[in-house]
Protein backbone atom coordinates (compact mmCIF):
# COMPACT_ATOMS: atom_id res chain seq x y z
CA MET A 1 141.66 134.91 71.73
CA SER A 2 140.08 137.47 74.02
CA SER A 3 139.05 139.60 71.04
CA TRP A 4 137.08 136.70 69.56
CA LYS A 5 135.50 136.03 72.93
CA ASP A 6 134.53 139.70 73.29
CA LEU A 7 133.10 139.71 69.75
CA ILE A 8 130.92 136.66 70.43
CA THR A 9 129.85 138.03 73.81
CA ARG A 10 128.88 141.42 72.36
CA ASN A 11 126.94 140.08 69.35
CA PHE A 12 125.49 136.81 70.69
CA ASN A 13 124.62 137.82 74.23
CA ASN A 14 120.91 137.04 73.80
CA PRO A 15 120.02 133.41 74.70
CA GLN A 16 116.93 133.54 72.48
CA ILE A 17 119.09 134.31 69.44
CA VAL A 18 121.37 131.36 70.22
CA ALA A 19 118.40 129.02 70.71
CA LEU A 20 116.80 130.18 67.46
CA ILE A 21 120.00 129.64 65.48
CA LEU A 22 120.44 126.16 66.98
CA ILE A 23 116.86 125.19 66.10
CA LEU A 24 117.32 126.35 62.51
CA ALA A 25 120.64 124.49 62.27
CA VAL A 26 119.00 121.25 63.44
CA CYS A 27 116.16 121.70 60.93
CA GLY A 28 118.69 122.29 58.16
CA LEU A 29 120.59 119.11 59.01
CA VAL A 30 117.36 117.09 59.05
CA LEU A 31 116.42 118.46 55.63
CA TYR A 32 119.88 117.75 54.25
CA PHE A 33 120.14 114.13 55.41
CA PHE A 34 116.48 113.04 55.34
CA GLY A 35 115.02 115.39 52.72
CA GLY A 36 114.48 112.62 50.16
CA ILE A 37 112.74 110.31 52.60
CA LEU A 38 110.55 113.05 54.05
CA ALA A 39 109.73 114.61 50.66
CA PRO A 40 106.03 113.54 50.74
CA VAL A 41 105.68 115.04 54.22
CA PHE A 42 107.15 118.35 53.07
CA LEU A 43 104.96 118.33 49.95
CA ALA A 44 101.89 117.71 52.11
CA LEU A 45 102.95 120.50 54.45
CA GLY A 46 103.34 122.88 51.50
CA LEU A 47 99.97 121.87 50.05
CA ALA A 48 98.30 122.35 53.44
CA TYR A 49 99.90 125.77 53.73
CA ILE A 50 98.59 126.81 50.29
CA LEU A 51 95.08 125.45 50.93
CA ASN A 52 94.92 127.29 54.24
CA PHE A 53 94.49 130.58 52.31
CA PRO A 54 91.02 129.76 50.86
CA ILE A 55 90.05 128.07 54.14
CA ARG A 56 90.78 131.25 56.11
CA TRP A 57 88.93 133.30 53.48
CA LEU A 58 85.82 131.11 53.84
CA MET A 59 86.08 131.32 57.63
CA ARG A 60 86.07 135.13 57.39
CA LYS A 61 82.87 134.83 55.35
CA GLY A 62 81.19 132.96 58.21
CA PHE A 63 81.89 129.28 57.47
CA LYS A 64 83.05 126.92 60.18
CA ARG A 65 86.53 125.51 59.71
CA LEU A 66 85.34 121.95 59.03
CA TYR A 67 82.84 123.08 56.38
CA ALA A 68 85.41 125.36 54.77
CA LEU A 69 87.89 122.47 54.75
CA ILE A 70 85.36 120.17 53.03
CA LEU A 71 84.56 122.80 50.39
CA VAL A 72 88.22 123.49 49.63
CA PHE A 73 89.14 119.82 49.36
CA GLY A 74 86.08 119.17 47.23
CA GLY A 75 87.31 121.83 44.84
CA LEU A 76 90.82 120.35 44.96
CA ILE A 77 89.49 116.90 44.04
CA CYS A 78 87.56 118.39 41.12
CA VAL A 79 90.66 120.21 39.87
CA LEU A 80 92.82 117.07 40.20
CA GLY A 81 90.17 115.05 38.36
CA TRP A 82 90.06 117.59 35.55
CA LEU A 83 93.86 117.59 35.31
CA ILE A 84 94.07 113.79 35.25
CA ILE A 85 91.16 113.18 32.86
CA GLY A 86 91.19 116.27 30.67
CA VAL A 87 94.67 117.81 30.69
CA ALA A 88 97.00 114.86 31.29
CA PRO A 89 96.08 112.95 28.07
CA ILE A 90 96.66 116.05 25.94
CA LEU A 91 99.91 116.75 27.75
CA ILE A 92 101.16 113.18 27.28
CA LYS A 93 100.17 113.20 23.61
CA GLN A 94 102.03 116.47 22.96
CA LEU A 95 105.05 115.19 24.88
CA ASN A 96 105.16 111.97 22.82
CA THR A 97 104.88 113.97 19.60
CA LEU A 98 107.67 116.25 20.74
CA ILE A 99 109.93 113.26 21.47
CA VAL A 100 109.18 111.78 18.02
CA GLU A 101 109.84 115.07 16.23
CA ALA A 102 112.96 115.90 18.24
CA PRO A 103 115.33 114.48 15.56
CA SER A 104 113.64 116.62 12.90
CA ILE A 105 114.09 119.70 15.06
CA ILE A 106 117.76 118.82 15.53
CA ASN A 107 118.31 118.29 11.78
CA LEU A 108 116.63 121.59 10.97
CA LEU A 109 118.79 123.31 13.55
CA LYS A 110 121.87 121.70 11.98
CA THR A 111 120.90 122.94 8.51
CA LYS A 112 120.34 126.49 9.73
CA LEU A 113 123.58 126.50 11.71
CA LEU A 114 125.63 125.31 8.74
CA SER A 115 123.91 127.84 6.47
CA LEU A 116 125.38 130.67 8.55
CA GLU A 117 128.74 130.02 6.88
CA GLN A 118 127.59 131.67 3.64
CA TYR A 119 127.27 135.02 5.41
CA HIS A 120 131.05 135.02 6.07
CA LEU A 121 130.60 135.98 9.68
CA PRO A 122 133.81 136.22 11.73
CA TYR A 123 134.68 133.24 13.93
CA LEU A 124 131.97 131.12 12.21
CA ASP A 125 133.58 128.55 9.93
CA LYS A 126 132.12 125.17 9.05
CA ALA A 127 134.15 123.28 11.64
CA THR A 128 132.99 125.56 14.46
CA LEU A 129 129.33 125.32 13.44
CA TYR A 130 129.53 121.54 13.11
CA SER A 131 131.13 121.31 16.56
CA VAL A 132 128.31 123.38 18.06
CA TYR A 133 125.76 121.11 16.41
CA GLU A 134 127.46 117.92 17.62
CA ASN A 135 127.65 119.17 21.20
CA LEU A 136 124.00 120.21 21.17
CA ASN A 137 122.93 116.94 19.57
CA GLN A 138 124.88 114.90 22.10
CA TYR A 139 123.37 116.85 25.00
CA ILE A 140 119.80 116.42 23.73
CA GLN A 141 120.23 112.73 22.96
CA SER A 142 121.77 112.04 26.37
CA ASN A 143 118.85 113.72 28.11
CA MET A 144 116.01 112.37 25.95
CA ASP A 145 117.19 108.82 25.30
CA ILE A 146 115.02 106.21 27.05
CA ARG A 147 116.83 102.89 26.98
CA ILE A 148 115.51 99.44 27.81
CA ASP A 149 117.54 99.18 30.99
CA ASN A 150 115.85 102.32 32.33
CA ILE A 151 112.29 101.08 31.88
CA LEU A 152 112.14 99.55 35.38
CA ALA A 153 113.36 102.78 36.97
CA VAL A 154 110.83 104.76 34.94
CA LEU A 155 108.01 102.46 36.08
CA GLN A 156 109.13 102.78 39.68
CA ASN A 157 109.12 106.56 39.41
CA VAL A 158 105.66 106.49 37.84
CA MET A 159 104.37 104.32 40.68
CA TYR A 160 106.04 106.60 43.23
CA VAL A 161 104.44 109.68 41.68
CA GLY A 162 101.07 107.93 41.46
CA VAL A 163 101.15 107.01 45.15
CA ASN A 164 102.15 110.55 46.10
CA ILE A 165 99.30 112.02 44.04
CA PHE A 166 96.85 110.39 46.45
CA LEU A 167 99.01 110.27 49.58
CA VAL A 168 100.06 113.94 49.67
CA PRO A 169 96.51 115.43 49.55
CA PHE A 170 95.37 112.93 52.21
CA MET A 171 98.24 113.92 54.51
CA ALA A 172 97.52 117.60 53.87
CA PHE A 173 93.86 117.02 54.78
CA LEU A 174 94.87 115.41 58.09
CA MET A 175 97.25 118.28 58.84
CA LEU A 176 94.49 120.84 58.29
CA VAL A 177 91.99 118.86 60.38
CA ASP A 178 94.44 118.70 63.30
CA TYR A 179 95.72 122.23 62.73
CA GLY A 180 95.18 123.41 66.31
CA PRO A 181 96.66 120.40 68.18
CA LEU A 182 99.52 120.20 65.67
CA LYS A 183 100.35 123.86 66.25
CA GLU A 184 100.38 123.37 70.02
CA SER A 185 102.64 120.33 69.67
CA VAL A 186 105.16 122.35 67.69
CA LYS A 187 105.09 125.13 70.29
CA ARG A 188 105.96 122.59 72.99
CA PHE A 189 109.38 122.05 71.43
CA LEU A 190 110.17 125.78 71.40
CA PRO A 191 111.71 127.66 74.35
CA GLN A 192 109.23 129.01 76.89
CA SER A 193 110.47 132.62 76.72
CA SER A 194 110.39 132.86 72.95
CA GLU A 195 109.28 136.44 72.28
CA LEU A 196 112.12 136.86 69.82
CA ALA A 197 111.35 133.56 68.07
CA ASN A 198 107.68 134.54 67.86
CA GLY A 199 108.64 137.86 66.30
CA VAL A 200 110.87 136.16 63.74
CA PHE A 201 108.18 133.58 63.01
CA LYS A 202 105.50 136.25 62.50
CA GLU A 203 107.72 138.29 60.19
CA PHE A 204 108.70 135.20 58.20
CA MET A 205 105.12 133.95 57.90
CA SER A 206 103.91 137.37 56.80
CA GLN A 207 106.51 137.51 54.03
CA LEU A 208 105.92 133.86 53.11
CA ASP A 209 102.15 134.41 52.88
CA ASN A 210 102.61 137.23 50.40
CA TYR A 211 105.21 135.28 48.44
CA VAL A 212 103.26 132.01 48.12
CA ARG A 213 99.98 133.75 47.33
CA GLY A 214 101.71 135.91 44.73
CA LYS A 215 103.51 132.96 43.10
CA VAL A 216 100.31 130.92 42.79
CA ILE A 217 98.45 133.84 41.18
CA GLU A 218 101.43 134.71 38.97
CA THR A 219 101.77 131.10 37.76
CA ILE A 220 98.07 130.82 36.90
CA ILE A 221 97.97 134.16 35.06
CA MET A 222 101.16 133.56 33.04
CA THR A 223 100.07 130.00 32.11
CA ALA A 224 96.62 131.14 31.00
CA LEU A 225 97.84 134.13 28.97
CA SER A 226 100.58 132.08 27.30
CA PHE A 227 98.19 129.26 26.42
CA ILE A 228 95.64 131.67 24.90
CA GLY A 229 98.29 133.38 22.76
CA PHE A 230 99.93 130.13 21.62
CA MET A 231 96.61 128.45 20.83
CA PHE A 232 95.42 131.49 18.84
CA PHE A 233 98.40 131.22 16.47
CA GLY A 234 98.23 127.43 16.26
CA LEU A 235 101.55 126.72 17.97
CA LYS A 236 102.30 123.05 18.51
CA TYR A 237 102.81 121.80 22.05
CA ASN A 238 101.03 124.92 23.32
CA LEU A 239 99.98 123.22 26.56
CA ILE A 240 103.51 122.04 27.39
CA LEU A 241 105.10 125.39 26.56
CA SER A 242 102.50 127.48 28.42
CA ALA A 243 102.81 125.23 31.49
CA LEU A 244 106.60 125.52 31.29
CA ILE A 245 106.41 129.32 31.10
CA GLY A 246 103.96 129.41 34.01
CA ILE A 247 106.11 127.18 36.22
CA SER A 248 109.26 129.09 35.26
CA VAL A 249 108.13 132.14 37.26
CA ILE A 250 108.76 130.13 40.45
CA ILE A 251 112.48 130.05 39.62
CA PRO A 252 113.64 133.69 39.81
CA TYR A 253 115.51 135.12 36.79
CA LEU A 254 116.86 131.76 35.60
CA GLY A 255 113.41 130.29 34.97
CA VAL A 256 112.70 132.72 32.14
CA VAL A 257 115.83 131.61 30.30
CA ILE A 258 115.05 127.92 30.83
CA ALA A 259 111.51 128.32 29.45
CA THR A 260 112.45 130.59 26.53
CA ILE A 261 114.93 128.20 24.88
CA PRO A 262 112.44 125.37 24.06
CA PHE A 263 109.81 127.95 23.14
CA VAL A 264 112.09 129.55 20.56
CA LEU A 265 113.16 126.15 19.16
CA VAL A 266 109.57 124.94 18.72
CA CYS A 267 108.49 128.22 17.12
CA PHE A 268 111.45 128.12 14.76
CA PHE A 269 110.78 124.47 13.81
CA GLN A 270 107.13 125.19 13.00
CA PHE A 271 107.22 128.67 11.45
CA GLN A 272 110.88 129.28 10.46
CA PHE A 273 111.53 133.04 10.21
CA SER A 274 108.00 133.89 9.08
CA SER A 275 105.84 136.71 10.38
CA THR A 276 104.10 134.29 12.77
CA PHE A 277 107.45 133.42 14.34
CA TRP A 278 108.25 137.06 15.04
CA THR A 279 104.70 137.70 16.27
CA LEU A 280 105.06 134.90 18.81
CA MET A 281 108.43 136.31 19.88
CA VAL A 282 106.79 139.70 20.44
CA ILE A 283 103.94 138.11 22.41
CA HIS A 284 106.41 136.25 24.61
CA GLY A 285 108.43 139.43 25.18
CA VAL A 286 105.31 141.47 26.02
CA LEU A 287 104.22 138.80 28.51
CA GLN A 288 107.60 138.89 30.23
CA ILE A 289 107.54 142.71 30.37
CA PHE A 290 104.00 142.62 31.76
CA ASN A 291 105.06 140.07 34.36
CA GLY A 292 108.21 141.92 35.43
CA ASN A 293 106.91 145.51 35.43
CA ILE A 294 103.20 145.26 36.29
CA LEU A 295 102.22 141.89 37.74
CA VAL A 296 105.20 141.27 40.04
CA PRO A 297 105.24 144.78 41.63
CA TYR A 298 101.48 144.55 42.24
CA LEU A 299 101.57 141.06 43.77
CA TYR A 300 104.69 141.52 45.89
CA SER A 301 104.19 145.11 47.08
CA LYS A 302 104.22 143.96 50.74
CA THR A 303 107.13 141.56 50.40
CA ASN A 304 110.64 142.49 51.50
CA ASN A 305 112.81 143.15 48.48
CA ILE A 306 115.81 140.87 48.08
CA ARG A 307 118.57 141.93 45.73
CA PRO A 308 118.82 140.02 42.42
CA ILE A 309 122.40 138.87 43.03
CA THR A 310 121.30 137.42 46.39
CA VAL A 311 118.43 135.58 44.71
CA ILE A 312 120.67 134.08 42.01
CA VAL A 313 123.26 132.95 44.57
CA ALA A 314 120.50 131.42 46.72
CA VAL A 315 119.02 129.55 43.73
CA ILE A 316 122.43 128.11 42.82
CA PHE A 317 123.37 127.29 46.43
CA PHE A 318 120.13 125.61 47.52
CA GLY A 319 119.79 123.95 44.11
CA GLN A 320 123.15 122.26 44.64
CA ILE A 321 122.08 121.08 48.10
CA TRP A 322 118.49 119.91 47.50
CA GLY A 323 118.14 119.84 43.72
CA ILE A 324 114.94 121.11 42.13
CA VAL A 325 113.25 121.40 45.55
CA GLY A 326 116.02 123.74 46.68
CA VAL A 327 115.52 125.87 43.57
CA PHE A 328 111.83 126.31 44.36
CA LEU A 329 112.51 127.01 48.05
CA ALA A 330 115.35 129.48 47.46
CA ILE A 331 113.25 132.63 48.03
CA PRO A 332 111.42 131.37 51.17
CA LEU A 333 114.72 130.26 52.67
CA CYS A 334 116.26 133.65 51.83
CA THR A 335 113.31 135.31 53.56
CA LEU A 336 113.84 133.16 56.66
CA ILE A 337 117.57 133.92 56.77
CA LYS A 338 116.84 137.63 56.37
CA ALA A 339 114.29 137.58 59.22
CA VAL A 340 116.77 135.82 61.54
CA ALA A 341 119.56 138.23 60.55
CA ASN A 342 117.33 141.24 61.24
CA ALA A 343 116.35 139.83 64.65
CA TRP A 344 120.00 139.19 65.53
CA TYR A 345 121.04 142.68 64.44
CA LEU A 346 118.24 144.46 66.32
CA ASN A 347 119.19 142.62 69.54
CA SER A 348 122.96 142.90 69.24
CA GLN A 349 125.33 145.26 71.03
CA LEU A 350 126.37 146.69 67.67
CA TYR A 351 122.85 147.98 66.99
CA PHE A 352 122.67 149.46 70.52
CA GLU A 353 125.95 151.33 70.01
CA LEU A 354 124.86 152.66 66.61
CA GLN A 355 121.56 153.86 68.08
CA GLN A 356 123.36 155.70 70.87
CA ARG A 357 125.69 157.34 68.35
CA GLU A 358 122.76 158.46 66.17
CA GLU A 359 120.89 159.86 69.18
CA THR A 360 123.99 161.80 70.27
CA GLN A 361 124.45 163.25 66.79
CA ALA A 362 120.76 164.22 66.59
CA LEU A 363 120.99 165.95 69.99
CA ASN A 364 124.09 167.87 68.90
CA HIS A 365 122.39 169.01 65.68
CA LYS A 366 119.33 170.12 67.65
CA THR A 367 121.48 172.14 70.07
CA ILE A 368 123.29 173.86 67.20
CA ARG A 369 119.99 174.77 65.51
CA GLU A 370 118.63 176.24 68.75
CA GLU A 371 121.75 178.37 69.19
CA LEU A 372 121.45 179.68 65.65
CA GLU A 373 117.77 180.51 66.16
CA LYS A 374 118.54 182.56 69.29
CA ARG A 375 120.87 184.97 67.48
CA LYS A 376 118.33 186.90 65.36
CA PRO A 377 114.94 186.81 67.07
CA LYS A 378 114.69 190.60 67.89
CA ARG A 379 115.41 191.89 64.42
CA ARG A 380 113.02 189.41 62.86
CA ARG A 381 110.27 190.45 65.29
CA ASN A 382 110.85 194.20 64.58
CA ASN A 383 110.67 193.61 60.84
CA ARG A 384 107.38 191.79 61.27
CA GLU A 385 105.90 194.64 63.39
CA TYR A 386 107.16 197.20 60.90
CA LYS A 387 105.45 195.42 58.01
CA ASN A 388 102.19 195.04 59.96
CA ALA A 389 102.10 198.74 60.90
CA LYS A 390 102.88 199.78 57.32
CA THR A 391 100.09 197.55 56.01
CA ASN A 392 97.58 199.01 58.51
CA ASN A 393 98.56 202.56 57.57
CA GLU A 394 98.09 201.89 53.85
CA ALA A 395 94.71 200.27 54.53
CA ASN A 396 93.54 203.28 56.57
CA ASN A 397 94.63 205.73 53.87
CA SER A 398 92.80 203.78 51.17
CA ALA A 399 89.69 203.61 53.39
CA ASN A 400 89.80 207.39 53.94
CA SER A 401 90.06 208.09 50.23
CA SER A 402 87.08 205.84 49.39
CA THR A 403 84.72 207.22 52.11
CA ASP A 404 81.83 209.49 50.98
CA PRO A 405 81.65 213.14 52.23
CA ALA A 406 78.68 212.46 54.51
CA SER A 407 80.55 209.94 56.65
CA THR A 408 83.98 211.57 56.45
CA SER A 409 83.34 213.98 59.29
CA GLU A 410 82.34 211.11 61.61
CA VAL A 411 85.52 209.06 61.22
CA THR A 412 88.09 211.79 60.70
CA THR A 413 89.05 212.01 64.37
CA SER A 414 89.51 208.23 64.82
CA ASN A 415 91.47 207.91 61.57
CA ASN A 416 93.80 210.73 62.57
CA ALA A 417 94.45 209.09 65.93
CA GLN A 418 95.11 205.74 64.25
CA ALA A 419 97.42 207.39 61.74
CA GLN A 420 99.36 209.10 64.53
CA ASN A 421 99.74 205.76 66.32
CA ASN A 422 100.93 204.07 63.14
CA GLN A 423 103.43 206.86 62.48
CA GLN A 424 104.74 206.56 66.02
CA THR A 425 105.08 202.78 65.58
CA LEU A 426 106.89 203.27 62.27
CA ALA A 427 109.24 205.78 63.85
CA ALA A 428 109.93 203.49 66.81
CA ASN A 429 110.61 200.52 64.51
CA SER A 430 112.90 202.61 62.32
CA ALA A 431 114.82 203.78 65.36
CA THR A 432 115.11 200.22 66.62
CA GLN A 433 116.38 199.01 63.25
CA ASP A 434 118.94 201.83 63.10
CA LYS A 435 120.09 201.01 66.59
CA THR A 436 120.39 197.30 65.70
CA LYS A 437 122.41 198.12 62.60
CA ASP A 438 124.71 200.40 64.63
CA GLU A 439 125.25 197.64 67.17
CA GLU A 440 126.07 195.16 64.41
CA ASN A 441 128.50 197.61 62.82
CA ASN A 442 130.17 198.30 66.16
CA SER A 443 130.47 194.57 66.87
CA SER A 444 131.91 193.82 63.43
CA SER A 445 134.40 196.72 63.37
CA PRO A 446 136.82 195.19 65.95
CA SER A 447 136.88 191.92 64.07
CA ASN A 448 137.67 193.74 60.81
CA SER A 449 140.45 195.67 62.45
């Protein structure tokens, strides 16, 4: 019992750490129990956070905050109007066509699956292939079937989404208008001596800024490039598939798989195994390589790296707790947990002990190096003087040989004196080296005996 008490005392001895963990625990419980009810509030908060980037950029250019806010929301209204009037009808039309043609896609998939039997592949008999088809067909039908008894629920969801389309931007606008007072109100609930909490908050917000900005840019670029490539080759449902590929980048690692499956099925249904099918596969692969090896490293160069296994576990864990919202928030929540863990570690007794141990080891290494340097300073200095004297002597000899007869008589005396000095220096250095060698031999002879 005392060991547990000592462990808690050593690692949680900072009251600010305890207060920060309690605040995060309370926020987590509120999200868990009231997340569905407060979903519009959280969506408005996220939208306000994203729109704050262009507002701050306009303020740096000299605009007042109110004028920047009006410009940004004017642009947002134009974009929403374009999406509702121009994009939404095309998207709904393609979605309806996809639902109508879904049975044809399933039948074509059944034919191709059953045709694999003629290749006599191992573990692929007719019964196995038919079972795979039936399972896939049942899954698709169960997820795409819209029955009469679900019409009321569908209408309610449509009304809910329609209300949120107008309610969420309005709430985000109010949050940005009252940004200063709202920020002060939040600070009132935090502890007064919250230097540690402020440090964690600044680190988290810095990482979150880079992450959100990068995800928005990455989504737009991947959606645009995919749509251009799909439209160029005349792929059906190009708007749905490009939007799906663009949104899939928000879900780390798993999103690519989720978006690739319908893309491959639609391409196969339209082009079979033609050259266009393989060209679209290559385009999709090149886009994913470009995204993973060029775009992502450039956009997230300032973001803390989180290991892939941690990201996958976070996506699964938070997805089970909060559904699709938890999947999208997996990386920000991981960043927050990492910031809190770093703050706890840097203020724990364990970190203090490790720092003391490293400083002691560094001091010991420095002392050992100084002792080793003191053993051979004289010999090294004599060798350096010997080389300098030898170099000066060779330079004087070469200068004497290149001098004309008229000036030789004027410098002969000084050169001879310099040569005598150099010879004396060489002799003294040689004697010193011989003496040093004799001392080393005398000191090593008792040890050999």
